[in-house]
Amino acid sequence: MTLFSRIFTTRTLVQIIFVLTAAIIMKAISLHYDFNWATALTAG
């Protein structure tokens, strides 16, 4: 458990949760508006 707490500090865990939440929100928005981020990025 000490190895786990050394690798995953509170700040790291908060950043991971924030990134995952942002990705889920973007996915939900794209599904709601029928929007694809990959085609938007490739189109410029």
C-alpha atoms as a PDB file:
ATOM      1  CA  MET A   1       0.000   0.000   0.000  1.00  0.00           C
ATOM      2  CA  THR A   2       2.925   2.362   0.618  1.00  0.00           C
ATOM      3  CA  LEU A   3       4.093   1.877  -2.976  1.00  0.00           C
ATOM      4  CA  PHE A   4       0.602   2.728  -4.200  1.00  0.00           C
ATOM      5  CA  SER A   5       0.450   5.875  -2.048  1.00  0.00           C
ATOM      6  CA  ARG A   6       3.901   6.934  -3.257  1.00  0.00           C
ATOM      7  CA  ILE A   7       2.999   6.589  -6.943  1.00  0.00           C
ATOM      8  CA  PHE A   8      -0.535   7.949  -6.685  1.00  0.00           C
ATOM      9  CA  THR A   9      -0.484  11.104  -4.625  1.00  0.00           C
ATOM     10  CA  THR A  10      -3.699  13.016  -4.039  1.00  0.00           C
ATOM     11  CA  ARG A  11      -2.786  15.509  -6.757  1.00  0.00           C
ATOM     12  CA  THR A  12      -2.145  12.750  -9.295  1.00  0.00           C
ATOM     13  CA  LEU A  13      -5.437  11.031  -8.494  1.00  0.00           C
ATOM     14  CA  VAL A  14      -7.337  14.320  -8.809  1.00  0.00           C
ATOM     15  CA  GLN A  15      -5.720  14.951 -12.214  1.00  0.00           C
ATOM     16  CA  ILE A  16      -6.613  11.441 -13.422  1.00  0.00           C
ATOM     17  CA  ILE A  17     -10.222  11.854 -12.258  1.00  0.00           C
ATOM     18  CA  PHE A  18     -10.418  15.301 -13.893  1.00  0.00           C
ATOM     19  CA  VAL A  19      -9.118  14.014 -17.242  1.00  0.00           C
ATOM     20  CA  LEU A  20     -11.460  11.007 -17.218  1.00  0.00           C
ATOM     21  CA  THR A  21     -14.421  13.195 -16.295  1.00  0.00           C
ATOM     22  CA  ALA A  22     -13.576  15.667 -19.070  1.00  0.00           C
ATOM     23  CA  ALA A  23     -13.313  12.819 -21.588  1.00  0.00           C
ATOM     24  CA  ILE A  24     -16.678  11.395 -20.516  1.00  0.00           C
ATOM     25  CA  ILE A  25     -18.305  14.836 -20.717  1.00  0.00           C
ATOM     26  CA  MET A  26     -16.876  15.423 -24.212  1.00  0.00           C
ATOM     27  CA  LYS A  27     -18.126  11.983 -25.281  1.00  0.00           C
ATOM     28  CA  ALA A  28     -21.599  12.694 -23.911  1.00  0.00           C
ATOM     29  CA  ILE A  29     -21.734  16.097 -25.630  1.00  0.00           C
ATOM     30  CA  SER A  30     -20.604  14.615 -28.934  1.00  0.00           C
ATOM     31  CA  LEU A  31     -23.247  11.892 -28.707  1.00  0.00           C
ATOM     32  CA  HIS A  32     -25.940  14.432 -27.849  1.00  0.00           C
ATOM     33  CA  TYR A  33     -25.102  16.763 -30.728  1.00  0.00           C
ATOM     34  CA  ASP A  34     -24.086  13.970 -33.168  1.00  0.00           C
ATOM     35  CA  PHE A  35     -20.587  15.452 -33.355  1.00  0.00           C
ATOM     36  CA  ASN A  36     -17.308  13.630 -33.984  1.00  0.00           C
ATOM     37  CA  TRP A  37     -14.147  15.154 -32.477  1.00  0.00           C
ATOM     38  CA  ALA A  38     -11.823  13.169 -34.767  1.00  0.00           C
ATOM     39  CA  THR A  39     -13.377  14.498 -37.988  1.00  0.00           C
ATOM     40  CA  ALA A  40     -13.437  18.016 -36.547  1.00  0.00           C
ATOM     41  CA  LEU A  41      -9.721  17.844 -35.705  1.00  0.00           C
ATOM     42  CA  THR A  42      -8.741  16.415 -39.080  1.00  0.00           C
ATOM     43  CA  ALA A  43     -10.825  19.033 -40.884  1.00  0.00           C
ATOM     44  CA  GLY A  44      -8.897  21.760 -39.091  1.00  0.00           C
END
